[in-house]
PDB file of N, CA and C in Angstrom:
ATOM      1  N   UNK A   1      95.883 161.172  36.124  1.00  0.00           N
ATOM      2  CA  UNK A   1      95.208 162.450  36.238  1.00  0.00           C
ATOM      3  C   UNK A   1      93.969 162.412  35.357  1.00  0.00           C
ATOM      4  N   UNK A   2      92.868 162.907  35.846  1.00  0.00           N
ATOM      5  CA  UNK A   2      91.600 162.888  35.122  1.00  0.00           C
ATOM      6  C   UNK A   2      91.590 163.927  34.018  1.00  0.00           C
ATOM      7  N   UNK A   3      90.803 163.655  33.013  1.00  0.00           N
ATOM      8  CA  UNK A   3      90.634 164.598  31.920  1.00  0.00           C
ATOM      9  C   UNK A   3      89.611 165.645  32.317  1.00  0.00           C
ATOM     10  N   UNK A   4      89.896 166.895  32.013  1.00  0.00           N
ATOM     11  CA  UNK A   4      88.967 167.974  32.357  1.00  0.00           C
ATOM     12  C   UNK A   4      87.725 167.849  31.495  1.00  0.00           C
ATOM     13  N   UNK A   5      86.580 167.846  32.131  1.00  0.00           N
ATOM     14  CA  UNK A   5      85.342 167.770  31.372  1.00  0.00           C
ATOM     15  C   UNK A   5      84.472 168.997  31.600  1.00  0.00           C
ATOM     16  N   UNK A   6      84.903 169.896  32.445  1.00  0.00           N
ATOM     17  CA  UNK A   6      84.186 171.142  32.672  1.00  0.00           C
ATOM     18  C   UNK A   6      85.190 172.251  32.905  1.00  0.00           C
ATOM     19  N   UNK A   7      84.774 173.453  32.602  1.00  0.00           N
ATOM     20  CA  UNK A   7      85.602 174.616  32.860  1.00  0.00           C
ATOM     21  C   UNK A   7      84.853 175.544  33.804  1.00  0.00           C
ATOM     22  N   UNK A   8      85.604 176.226  34.620  1.00  0.00           N
ATOM     23  CA  UNK A   8      85.006 177.234  35.491  1.00  0.00           C
ATOM     24  C   UNK A   8      85.779 178.524  35.313  1.00  0.00           C
ATOM     25  N   UNK A   9      85.090 179.628  35.467  1.00  0.00           N
ATOM     26  CA  UNK A   9      85.743 180.933  35.388  1.00  0.00           C
ATOM     27  C   UNK A   9      86.076 181.387  36.792  1.00  0.00           C
ATOM     28  N   UNK A  10      87.250 181.969  36.925  1.00  0.00           N
ATOM     29  CA  UNK A  10      87.644 182.557  38.198  1.00  0.00           C
ATOM     30  C   UNK A  10      88.217 183.935  37.920  1.00  0.00           C
ATOM     31  N   UNK A  11      88.130 184.790  38.911  1.00  0.00           N
ATOM     32  CA  UNK A  11      88.675 186.144  38.761  1.00  0.00           C
ATOM     33  C   UNK A  11      90.197 186.077  38.779  1.00  0.00           C
ATOM     34  N   UNK A  12      90.830 187.158  38.352  1.00  0.00           N
ATOM     35  CA  UNK A  12      92.292 187.241  38.393  1.00  0.00           C
ATOM     36  C   UNK A  12      92.798 187.087  39.818  1.00  0.00           C
ATOM     37  N   UNK A  13      92.063 187.656  40.768  1.00  0.00           N
ATOM     38  CA  UNK A  13      92.458 187.566  42.176  1.00  0.00           C
ATOM     39  C   UNK A  13      92.464 186.122  42.643  1.00  0.00           C
ATOM     40  N   UNK A  14      91.437 185.354  42.272  1.00  0.00           N
ATOM     41  CA  UNK A  14      91.352 183.947  42.678  1.00  0.00           C
ATOM     42  C   UNK A  14      92.457 183.144  41.999  1.00  0.00           C
ATOM     43  N   UNK A  15      92.717 183.429  40.733  1.00  0.00           N
ATOM     44  CA  UNK A  15      93.785 182.709  40.016  1.00  0.00           C
ATOM     45  C   UNK A  15      95.139 182.967  40.676  1.00  0.00           C
ATOM     46  N   UNK A  16      95.393 184.207  41.066  1.00  0.00           N
ATOM     47  CA  UNK A  16      96.658 184.521  41.752  1.00  0.00           C
ATOM     48  C   UNK A  16      96.758 183.766  43.079  1.00  0.00           C
ATOM     49  N   UNK A  17      95.634 183.678  43.801  1.00  0.00           N
ATOM     50  CA  UNK A  17      95.622 182.956  45.071  1.00  0.00           C
ATOM     51  C   UNK A  17      95.907 181.466  44.839  1.00  0.00           C
ATOM     52  N   UNK A  18      95.330 180.907  43.791  1.00  0.00           N
ATOM     53  CA  UNK A  18      95.598 179.508  43.459  1.00  0.00           C
ATOM     54  C   UNK A  18      97.056 179.321  43.065  1.00  0.00           C
ATOM     55  N   UNK A  19      97.590 180.256  42.295  1.00  0.00           N
ATOM     56  CA  UNK A  19      98.995 180.181  41.881  1.00  0.00           C
ATOM     57  C   UNK A  19      99.923 180.181  43.093  1.00  0.00           C
ATOM     58  N   UNK A  20      99.583 180.984  44.114  1.00  0.00           N
ATOM     59  CA  UNK A  20     100.422 181.036  45.317  1.00  0.00           C
ATOM     60  C   UNK A  20     100.395 179.706  46.068  1.00  0.00           C
ATOM     61  N   UNK A  21      99.275 179.009  46.025  1.00  0.00           N
ATOM     62  CA  UNK A  21      99.133 177.743  46.749  1.00  0.00           C
ATOM     63  C   UNK A  21      99.602 176.545  45.933  1.00  0.00           C
ATOM     64  N   UNK A  22      99.803 176.743  44.671  1.00  0.00           N
ATOM     65  CA  UNK A  22     100.151 175.664  43.752  1.00  0.00           C
ATOM     66  C   UNK A  22     101.565 175.148  44.014  1.00  0.00           C
ATOM     67  N   UNK A  23     101.677 173.852  44.149  1.00  0.00           N
ATOM     68  CA  UNK A  23     102.972 173.206  44.343  1.00  0.00           C
ATOM     69  C   UNK A  23     103.502 172.743  42.987  1.00  0.00           C
ATOM     70  N   UNK A  24     104.778 172.500  42.940  1.00  0.00           N
ATOM     71  CA  UNK A  24     105.383 172.079  41.678  1.00  0.00           C
ATOM     72  C   UNK A  24     104.694 170.823  41.152  1.00  0.00           C
ATOM     73  N   UNK A  25     104.305 170.872  39.883  1.00  0.00           N
ATOM     74  CA  UNK A  25     103.678 169.730  39.232  1.00  0.00           C
ATOM     75  C   UNK A  25     102.185 169.604  39.472  1.00  0.00           C
ATOM     76  N   UNK A  26     101.612 170.483  40.283  1.00  0.00           N
ATOM     77  CA  UNK A  26     100.178 170.412  40.574  1.00  0.00           C
ATOM     78  C   UNK A  26      99.360 171.120  39.506  1.00  0.00           C
ATOM     79  N   UNK A  27      98.241 170.526  39.177  1.00  0.00           N
ATOM     80  CA  UNK A  27      97.271 171.200  38.319  1.00  0.00           C
ATOM     81  C   UNK A  27      96.398 172.090  39.209  1.00  0.00           C
ATOM     82  N   UNK A  28      95.614 172.951  38.573  1.00  0.00           N
ATOM     83  CA  UNK A  28      94.689 173.775  39.363  1.00  0.00           C
ATOM     84  C   UNK A  28      93.675 172.883  40.076  1.00  0.00           C
ATOM     85  N   UNK A  29      93.268 171.820  39.429  1.00  0.00           N
ATOM     86  CA  UNK A  29      92.343 170.884  40.051  1.00  0.00           C
ATOM     87  C   UNK A  29      92.966 170.273  41.307  1.00  0.00           C
ATOM     88  N   UNK A  30      94.252 169.913  41.221  1.00  0.00           N
ATOM     89  CA  UNK A  30      94.948 169.363  42.390  1.00  0.00           C
ATOM     90  C   UNK A  30      94.948 170.350  43.552  1.00  0.00           C
ATOM     91  N   UNK A  31      95.220 171.618  43.222  1.00  0.00           N
ATOM     92  CA  UNK A  31      95.251 172.660  44.256  1.00  0.00           C
ATOM     93  C   UNK A  31      93.878 172.782  44.903  1.00  0.00           C
ATOM     94  N   UNK A  32      92.846 172.847  44.079  1.00  0.00           N
ATOM     95  CA  UNK A  32      91.489 173.001  44.611  1.00  0.00           C
ATOM     96  C   UNK A  32      91.099 171.814  45.483  1.00  0.00           C
ATOM     97  N   UNK A  33      91.408 170.612  45.041  1.00  0.00           N
ATOM     98  CA  UNK A  33      91.089 169.432  45.852  1.00  0.00           C
ATOM     99  C   UNK A  33      91.795 169.484  47.196  1.00  0.00           C
ATOM    100  N   UNK A  34      93.071 169.857  47.181  1.00  0.00           N
ATOM    101  CA  UNK A  34      93.844 169.919  48.429  1.00  0.00           C
ATOM    102  C   UNK A  34      93.292 170.993  49.359  1.00  0.00           C
ATOM    103  N   UNK A  35      93.015 172.166  48.820  1.00  0.00           N
ATOM    104  CA  UNK A  35      92.510 173.265  49.649  1.00  0.00           C
ATOM    105  C   UNK A  35      91.134 172.925  50.209  1.00  0.00           C
ATOM    106  N   UNK A  36      90.275 172.348  49.395  1.00  0.00           N
ATOM    107  CA  UNK A  36      88.943 171.981  49.882  1.00  0.00           C
ATOM    108  C   UNK A  36      89.027 170.898  50.948  1.00  0.00           C
ATOM    109  N   UNK A  37      89.946 169.975  50.797  1.00  0.00           N
ATOM    110  CA  UNK A  37      90.117 168.939  51.805  1.00  0.00           C
ATOM    111  C   UNK A  37      90.603 169.537  53.117  1.00  0.00           C
ATOM    112  N   UNK A  38      91.529 170.480  53.042  1.00  0.00           N
ATOM    113  CA  UNK A  38      92.038 171.139  54.242  1.00  0.00           C
ATOM    114  C   UNK A  38      90.926 171.870  54.960  1.00  0.00           C
ATOM    115  N   UNK A  39      90.019 172.476  54.213  1.00  0.00           N
ATOM    116  CA  UNK A  39      88.942 173.270  54.804  1.00  0.00           C
ATOM    117  C   UNK A  39      87.879 172.395  55.453  1.00  0.00           C
ATOM    118  N   UNK A  40      87.671 171.205  54.943  1.00  0.00           N
ATOM    119  CA  UNK A  40      86.565 170.388  55.439  1.00  0.00           C
ATOM    120  C   UNK A  40      86.994 169.367  56.475  1.00  0.00           C
ATOM    121  N   UNK A  41      88.285 169.110  56.601  1.00  0.00           N
ATOM    122  CA  UNK A  41      88.734 168.082  57.521  1.00  0.00           C
ATOM    123  C   UNK A  41      89.443 168.663  58.733  1.00  0.00           C
ATOM    124  N   UNK A  42      88.910 169.774  59.235  1.00  0.00           N
ATOM    125  CA  UNK A  42      89.516 170.390  60.403  1.00  0.00           C
ATOM    126  C   UNK A  42      89.282 169.575  61.655  1.00  0.00           C
ATOM    127  N   UNK A  43      90.201 169.671  62.558  1.00  0.00           N
ATOM    128  CA  UNK A  43      90.088 169.012  63.840  1.00  0.00           C
ATOM    129  C   UNK A  43      89.182 169.853  64.737  1.00  0.00           C
ATOM    130  N   UNK A  44      88.310 169.204  65.480  1.00  0.00           N
ATOM    131  CA  UNK A  44      87.389 169.906  66.374  1.00  0.00           C
ATOM    132  C   UNK A  44      88.136 170.838  67.320  1.00  0.00           C
ATOM    133  N   UNK A  45      89.312 170.444  67.736  1.00  0.00           N
ATOM    134  CA  UNK A  45      90.058 171.207  68.720  1.00  0.00           C
ATOM    135  C   UNK A  45      90.934 172.303  68.116  1.00  0.00           C
ATOM    136  N   UNK A  46      90.974 172.408  66.789  1.00  0.00           N
ATOM    137  CA  UNK A  46      91.757 173.476  66.166  1.00  0.00           C
ATOM    138  C   UNK A  46      91.244 174.822  66.660  1.00  0.00           C
ATOM    139  N   UNK A  47      92.132 175.659  67.096  1.00  0.00           N
ATOM    140  CA  UNK A  47      91.751 176.986  67.544  1.00  0.00           C
ATOM    141  C   UNK A  47      91.509 177.100  69.038  1.00  0.00           C
ATOM    142  N   UNK A  48      91.310 175.985  69.715  1.00  0.00           N
ATOM    143  CA  UNK A  48      91.115 176.063  71.156  1.00  0.00           C
ATOM    144  C   UNK A  48      92.397 176.576  71.796  1.00  0.00           C
ATOM    145  N   UNK A  49      92.257 177.530  72.694  1.00  0.00           N
ATOM    146  CA  UNK A  49      93.409 178.068  73.382  1.00  0.00           C
ATOM    147  C   UNK A  49      94.152 179.137  72.610  1.00  0.00           C
ATOM    148  N   UNK A  50      93.602 179.541  71.467  1.00  0.00           N
ATOM    149  CA  UNK A  50      94.298 180.523  70.638  1.00  0.00           C
ATOM    150  C   UNK A  50      94.151 181.936  71.207  1.00  0.00           C
ATOM    151  N   UNK A  51      93.088 182.181  71.963  1.00  0.00           N
ATOM    152  CA  UNK A  51      92.852 183.499  72.535  1.00  0.00           C
ATOM    153  C   UNK A  51      93.412 183.580  73.956  1.00  0.00           C
ATOM    154  N   UNK A  52      93.858 184.764  74.303  1.00  0.00           N
ATOM    155  CA  UNK A  52      94.274 184.974  75.690  1.00  0.00           C
ATOM    156  C   UNK A  52      93.019 184.998  76.564  1.00  0.00           C
ATOM    157  N   UNK A  53      93.191 184.815  77.848  1.00  0.00           N
ATOM    158  CA  UNK A  53      92.056 184.859  78.774  1.00  0.00           C
ATOM    159  C   UNK A  53      91.372 186.214  78.725  1.00  0.00           C
ATOM    160  N   UNK A  54      92.182 187.280  78.619  1.00  0.00           N
ATOM    161  CA  UNK A  54      91.618 188.633  78.577  1.00  0.00           C
ATOM    162  C   UNK A  54      90.760 188.828  77.331  1.00  0.00           C
ATOM    163  N   UNK A  55      91.245 188.369  76.184  1.00  0.00           N
ATOM    164  CA  UNK A  55      90.484 188.511  74.938  1.00  0.00           C
ATOM    165  C   UNK A  55      89.210 187.686  74.987  1.00  0.00           C
ATOM    166  N   UNK A  56      89.303 186.472  75.494  1.00  0.00           N
ATOM    167  CA  UNK A  56      88.119 185.617  75.599  1.00  0.00           C
ATOM    168  C   UNK A  56      87.083 186.248  76.518  1.00  0.00           C
ATOM    169  N   UNK A  57      87.520 186.806  77.643  1.00  0.00           N
ATOM    170  CA  UNK A  57      86.598 187.484  78.559  1.00  0.00           C
ATOM    171  C   UNK A  57      85.947 188.684  77.889  1.00  0.00           C
ATOM    172  N   UNK A  58      86.736 189.455  77.138  1.00  0.00           N
ATOM    173  CA  UNK A  58      86.208 190.630  76.432  1.00  0.00           C
ATOM    174  C   UNK A  58      85.135 190.204  75.441  1.00  0.00           C
ATOM    175  N   UNK A  59      85.390 189.134  74.710  1.00  0.00           N
ATOM    176  CA  UNK A  59      84.414 188.637  73.730  1.00  0.00           C
ATOM    177  C   UNK A  59      83.134 188.201  74.434  1.00  0.00           C
ATOM    178  N   UNK A  60      83.275 187.460  75.526  1.00  0.00           N
ATOM    179  CA  UNK A  60      82.095 187.005  76.271  1.00  0.00           C
ATOM    180  C   UNK A  60      81.264 188.188  76.770  1.00  0.00           C
ATOM    181  N   UNK A  61      81.940 189.173  77.363  1.00  0.00           N
ATOM    182  CA  UNK A  61      81.237 190.343  77.896  1.00  0.00           C
ATOM    183  C   UNK A  61      80.513 191.106  76.790  1.00  0.00           C
ATOM    184  N   UNK A  62      81.194 191.335  75.680  1.00  0.00           N
ATOM    185  CA  UNK A  62      80.575 192.076  74.592  1.00  0.00           C
ATOM    186  C   UNK A  62      79.449 191.293  73.940  1.00  0.00           C
ATOM    187  N   UNK A  63      79.570 189.976  73.904  1.00  0.00           N
ATOM    188  CA  UNK A  63      78.503 189.146  73.356  1.00  0.00           C
ATOM    189  C   UNK A  63      77.258 189.257  74.226  1.00  0.00           C
ATOM    190  N   UNK A  64      77.455 189.178  75.534  1.00  0.00           N
ATOM    191  CA  UNK A  64      76.321 189.297  76.464  1.00  0.00           C
ATOM    192  C   UNK A  64      75.672 190.678  76.349  1.00  0.00           C
ATOM    193  N   UNK A  65      76.497 191.707  76.266  1.00  0.00           N
ATOM    194  CA  UNK A  65      75.974 193.069  76.132  1.00  0.00           C
ATOM    195  C   UNK A  65      75.181 193.219  74.836  1.00  0.00           C
ATOM    196  N   UNK A  66      75.703 192.683  73.749  1.00  0.00           N
ATOM    197  CA  UNK A  66      75.007 192.751  72.462  1.00  0.00           C
ATOM    198  C   UNK A  66      73.695 191.979  72.519  1.00  0.00           C
ATOM    199  N   UNK A  67      73.711 190.843  73.204  1.00  0.00           N
ATOM    200  CA  UNK A  67      72.498 190.024  73.357  1.00  0.00           C
ATOM    201  C   UNK A  67      71.426 190.803  74.118  1.00  0.00           C
ATOM    202  N   UNK A  68      71.821 191.465  75.193  1.00  0.00           N
ATOM    203  CA  UNK A  68      70.886 192.265  75.988  1.00  0.00           C
ATOM    204  C   UNK A  68      70.299 193.401  75.151  1.00  0.00           C
ATOM    205  N   UNK A  69      71.153 194.110  74.428  1.00  0.00           N
ATOM    206  CA  UNK A  69      70.680 195.213  73.582  1.00  0.00           C
ATOM    207  C   UNK A  69      69.732 194.715  72.497  1.00  0.00           C
ATOM    208  N   UNK A  70      70.053 193.565  71.911  1.00  0.00           N
ATOM    209  CA  UNK A  70      69.205 192.992  70.870  1.00  0.00           C
ATOM    210  C   UNK A  70      67.825 192.658  71.431  1.00  0.00           C
ATOM    211  N   UNK A  71      67.792 192.085  72.630  1.00  0.00           N
ATOM    212  CA  UNK A  71      66.511 191.761  73.260  1.00  0.00           C
ATOM    213  C   UNK A  71      65.711 193.031  73.546  1.00  0.00           C
ATOM    214  N   UNK A  72      66.391 194.096  73.970  1.00  0.00           N
ATOM    215  CA  UNK A  72      65.712 195.364  74.235  1.00  0.00           C
ATOM    216  C   UNK A  72      65.118 195.929  72.940  1.00  0.00           C
ATOM    217  N   UNK A  73      65.887 195.887  71.864  1.00  0.00           N
ATOM    218  CA  UNK A  73      65.383 196.386  70.576  1.00  0.00           C
ATOM    219  C   UNK A  73      64.189 195.575  70.103  1.00  0.00           C
ATOM    220  N   UNK A  74      64.267 194.252  70.257  1.00  0.00           N
ATOM    221  CA  UNK A  74      63.157 193.400  69.846  1.00  0.00           C
ATOM    222  C   UNK A  74      61.908 193.693  70.679  1.00  0.00           C
ATOM    223  N   UNK A  75      62.115 193.977  71.973  1.00  0.00           N
ATOM    224  CA  UNK A  75      60.990 194.350  72.824  1.00  0.00           C
ATOM    225  C   UNK A  75      60.365 195.653  72.376  1.00  0.00           C
ATOM    226  N   UNK A  76      61.190 196.619  71.968  1.00  0.00           N
ATOM    227  CA  UNK A  76      60.683 197.905  71.485  1.00  0.00           C
ATOM    228  C   UNK A  76      59.881 197.723  70.205  1.00  0.00           C
ATOM    229  N   UNK A  77      60.412 196.904  69.287  1.00  0.00           N
ATOM    230  CA  UNK A  77      59.720 196.662  68.011  1.00  0.00           C
ATOM    231  C   UNK A  77      58.392 195.973  68.268  1.00  0.00           C
ATOM    232  N   UNK A  78      58.387 195.001  69.170  1.00  0.00           N
ATOM    233  CA  UNK A  78      57.164 194.284  69.498  1.00  0.00           C
ATOM    234  C   UNK A  78      56.139 195.224  70.120  1.00  0.00           C
ATOM    235  N   UNK A  79      56.563 196.109  71.008  1.00  0.00           N
ATOM    236  CA  UNK A  79      55.666 197.055  71.658  1.00  0.00           C
ATOM    237  C   UNK A  79      55.128 198.078  70.650  1.00  0.00           C
ATOM    238  N   UNK A  80      55.915 198.457  69.664  1.00  0.00           N
ATOM    239  CA  UNK A  80      55.474 199.422  68.663  1.00  0.00           C
ATOM    240  C   UNK A  80      54.420 198.809  67.744  1.00  0.00           C
ATOM    241  N   UNK A  81      54.510 197.480  67.530  1.00  0.00           N
ATOM    242  CA  UNK A  81      53.563 196.801  66.639  1.00  0.00           C
ATOM    243  C   UNK A  81      52.206 196.598  67.299  1.00  0.00           C
ATOM    244  N   UNK A  82      52.109 196.698  68.626  1.00  0.00           N
ATOM    245  CA  UNK A  82      50.840 196.439  69.297  1.00  0.00           C
ATOM    246  C   UNK A  82      50.087 197.699  69.580  1.00  0.00           C
TER     247      UNK A  82
END
């Protein structure tokens, strides 16, 4: 195990979250390394198929609607500037 050469401050909330993830015999550094590795080494396909068809369709429709509204607002702003 490496010797600590730096200290970082964390809030009580973050410390509690680390404590919950901490396995027996793990240092806080061990927990952080493990959690950071889990976050950065995700599989490209993780999450695919997690939404129902209905939810995915709803998201697509609302995204398109929001895109259209955004373009309309940008057109209004552009017209007001001229």
